[in-house]
Amino acid sequence: MVLKTRRRRQPQPVVMEQFLTFLIRQEQFAVPMAQANRVIPLPPIYGDRSRRGVGLVNHGDREILVIEIGCCLFAEPLSAAETNKLKFLLILQPDLAGEWLGFPLVDPPIIERVPQDHIHPIPKNYLHWGNIHNVSSLMVSSTNDPNLPPIFIVDVPQVLASLKTL
């Protein structure tokens, strides 16, 4: 009698990605946690008299470039009422050699862990014709609930490049 051994398939570990998620104009967005430095109460923003959505804040011994991220994502500036609701500053350091960057937000961002296989590319036609700009991919929530809206991952280098057209 020959005994056959059965290999049990070991479940593959789920690779998780961490993001900071935030709401802008009723849409969910995220930046990779690795690019985040901190979240602080929004200090006064200087140097944006023409209301282009680009200014500076002083934080400690640094001057931080502040970009009104909603303007870059939706290609239209915030209204005065929306601007008055901004309370927090998400400070990013997109790369170790680069300068720091800040996004003013209404609410503090939330840390979210998402399985890597739930991150999918956005259809190219949407990137070209859609209403949201400067995003890199589409992230579906980890709860597998099809009724939840997508979370768009912000492409921070693309946001910086888009400043030339503001």
Protein backbone atom coordinates (compact mmCIF):
# COMPACT_ATOMS: atom_id res chain seq x y z
CA MET A 1 0.00 0.00 0.00
CA VAL A 2 1.43 3.35 -1.10
CA LEU A 3 0.56 6.42 0.87
CA LYS A 4 0.14 9.53 -1.14
CA THR A 5 1.00 12.76 0.49
CA ARG A 6 -1.15 15.71 -0.14
CA ARG A 7 0.37 19.09 -0.20
CA ARG A 8 -1.68 21.56 1.60
CA ARG A 9 -1.67 24.86 -0.07
CA GLN A 10 -0.62 27.48 2.33
CA PRO A 11 -2.74 30.59 2.06
CA GLN A 12 -0.76 33.43 0.57
CA PRO A 13 -0.26 36.31 2.97
CA VAL A 14 -2.31 39.37 2.12
CA VAL A 15 -0.08 42.32 1.30
CA MET A 16 -1.57 45.46 2.76
CA GLU A 17 -0.93 49.07 1.70
CA GLN A 18 -1.46 52.00 4.06
CA PHE A 19 -3.03 55.25 2.91
CA LEU A 20 -4.27 58.46 4.42
CA THR A 21 -7.77 59.00 3.06
CA PHE A 22 -9.68 62.27 2.97
CA LEU A 23 -12.82 63.74 1.46
CA ILE A 24 -12.78 66.57 -1.09
CA ARG A 25 -16.01 67.74 -2.72
CA GLN A 26 -17.85 64.52 -1.85
CA GLU A 27 -15.16 62.26 -3.38
CA GLN A 28 -12.72 60.06 -1.48
CA PHE A 29 -8.99 60.52 -2.11
CA ALA A 30 -5.83 59.00 -0.66
CA VAL A 31 -2.09 59.47 -0.52
CA PRO A 32 0.35 56.70 0.38
CA MET A 33 1.21 56.71 4.07
CA ALA A 34 4.91 56.60 3.14
CA GLN A 35 4.59 60.14 1.72
CA ALA A 36 2.85 61.57 4.79
CA ASN A 37 4.77 63.48 7.42
CA ARG A 38 2.08 64.79 9.78
CA VAL A 39 -1.28 66.51 10.14
CA ILE A 40 -1.48 69.84 11.96
CA PRO A 41 -4.13 72.51 12.54
CA LEU A 42 -4.15 74.80 9.51
CA PRO A 43 -1.86 77.78 10.09
CA PRO A 44 -2.30 81.04 8.17
CA ILE A 45 -1.51 80.68 4.47
CA TYR A 46 0.55 83.47 2.91
CA GLY A 47 1.36 84.55 -0.63
CA ASP A 48 -1.83 83.63 -2.50
CA ARG A 49 -3.35 87.03 -3.18
CA SER A 50 -4.46 86.02 -6.69
CA ARG A 51 -6.32 82.98 -5.22
CA ARG A 52 -4.56 80.43 -7.45
CA GLY A 53 -4.60 77.88 -4.64
CA VAL A 54 -0.83 77.99 -4.03
CA GLY A 55 0.68 79.55 -0.93
CA LEU A 56 3.14 79.10 1.92
CA VAL A 57 2.85 78.31 5.61
CA ASN A 58 5.50 78.52 8.29
CA HIS A 59 5.86 75.36 10.37
CA GLY A 60 8.72 75.19 12.81
CA ASP A 61 11.82 76.22 10.90
CA ARG A 62 10.35 75.36 7.48
CA GLU A 63 8.33 77.10 4.84
CA ILE A 64 5.91 74.59 3.34
CA LEU A 65 4.34 74.93 -0.11
CA VAL A 66 0.57 74.64 0.29
CA ILE A 67 -1.55 73.53 -2.63
CA GLU A 68 -5.33 73.72 -2.58
CA ILE A 69 -5.65 70.11 -3.71
CA GLY A 70 -9.30 70.44 -4.72
CA CYS A 71 -8.28 72.99 -7.35
CA CYS A 72 -5.74 70.55 -8.82
CA LEU A 73 -8.12 67.59 -8.73
CA PHE A 74 -11.20 69.34 -10.12
CA ALA A 75 -9.59 72.19 -12.12
CA GLU A 76 -11.64 74.86 -10.37
CA PRO A 77 -10.88 76.90 -7.24
CA LEU A 78 -12.70 76.55 -3.97
CA SER A 79 -15.49 78.95 -3.19
CA ALA A 80 -15.03 81.36 -0.26
CA ALA A 81 -17.44 79.23 1.81
CA GLU A 82 -15.38 76.08 1.10
CA THR A 83 -12.13 77.89 1.92
CA ASN A 84 -13.50 78.97 5.30
CA LYS A 85 -14.16 75.31 6.22
CA LEU A 86 -10.50 74.25 5.85
CA LYS A 87 -9.12 73.37 9.30
CA PHE A 88 -6.22 70.91 8.88
CA LEU A 89 -2.98 70.71 6.92
CA LEU A 90 -1.75 67.34 5.67
CA ILE A 91 2.02 67.69 5.32
CA LEU A 92 3.65 65.42 2.78
CA GLN A 93 7.23 64.68 1.86
CA PRO A 94 6.82 63.04 -1.57
CA ASP A 95 10.49 62.02 -1.71
CA LEU A 96 13.39 62.33 0.68
CA ALA A 97 15.22 64.90 -1.45
CA GLY A 98 12.15 67.04 -2.19
CA GLU A 99 10.62 69.90 -0.30
CA TRP A 100 7.63 69.43 1.93
CA LEU A 101 4.15 70.01 0.60
CA GLY A 102 0.84 70.67 2.32
CA PHE A 103 -2.80 70.00 1.41
CA PRO A 104 -5.41 71.94 3.42
CA LEU A 105 -8.37 69.75 4.43
CA VAL A 106 -11.75 70.20 6.08
CA ASP A 107 -11.44 67.07 8.25
CA PRO A 108 -8.36 65.19 9.43
CA PRO A 109 -7.38 62.27 7.17
CA ILE A 110 -8.02 58.68 8.21
CA ILE A 111 -5.48 55.86 8.06
CA GLU A 112 -6.78 53.01 5.96
CA ARG A 113 -5.16 49.66 5.25
CA VAL A 114 -6.11 48.15 1.92
CA PRO A 115 -5.11 44.83 0.35
CA GLN A 116 -2.72 45.46 -2.52
CA ASP A 117 -4.90 43.43 -4.89
CA HIS A 118 -7.77 45.88 -4.35
CA ILE A 119 -5.86 48.67 -6.09
CA HIS A 120 -6.78 48.88 -9.74
CA PRO A 121 -5.86 51.24 -12.58
CA ILE A 122 -8.36 53.86 -13.66
CA PRO A 123 -9.54 53.43 -17.25
CA LYS A 124 -7.39 55.61 -19.52
CA ASN A 125 -10.46 57.25 -21.08
CA TYR A 126 -11.57 58.45 -17.65
CA LEU A 127 -8.12 59.88 -16.96
CA HIS A 128 -8.37 61.79 -20.24
CA TRP A 129 -12.03 62.83 -20.24
CA GLY A 130 -13.14 62.54 -16.61
CA ASN A 131 -13.76 65.30 -14.11
CA ILE A 132 -11.01 64.29 -11.68
CA HIS A 133 -7.39 65.03 -12.58
CA ASN A 134 -3.96 64.17 -11.14
CA VAL A 135 -4.86 60.73 -9.84
CA SER A 136 -2.87 57.59 -10.51
CA SER A 137 -5.15 54.66 -9.81
CA LEU A 138 -8.43 53.62 -8.32
CA MET A 139 -8.55 52.03 -4.90
CA VAL A 140 -11.52 49.91 -3.91
CA SER A 141 -12.30 49.62 -0.22
CA SER A 142 -11.13 46.47 1.53
CA THR A 143 -14.60 45.57 2.79
CA ASN A 144 -15.58 44.08 -0.60
CA ASP A 145 -18.77 46.13 -0.49
CA PRO A 146 -19.68 47.07 -4.10
CA ASN A 147 -21.84 49.94 -2.85
CA LEU A 148 -18.90 51.85 -1.41
CA PRO A 149 -17.50 54.59 -3.66
CA PRO A 150 -13.96 54.27 -5.00
CA ILE A 151 -11.04 56.04 -3.41
CA PHE A 152 -8.82 57.84 -5.90
CA ILE A 153 -5.07 57.80 -5.19
CA VAL A 154 -3.56 61.25 -5.68
CA ASP A 155 -0.47 61.33 -7.88
CA VAL A 156 1.54 63.90 -5.93
CA PRO A 157 4.29 64.37 -8.57
CA GLN A 158 1.54 64.98 -11.16
CA VAL A 159 -0.06 67.56 -8.84
CA LEU A 160 3.26 69.39 -8.63
CA ALA A 161 3.64 69.27 -12.42
CA SER A 162 0.09 70.65 -12.85
CA LEU A 163 1.02 73.83 -10.96
CA LYS A 164 2.59 75.12 -14.15
CA THR A 165 -0.88 75.37 -15.73
CA LEU A 166 -2.66 77.06 -12.81
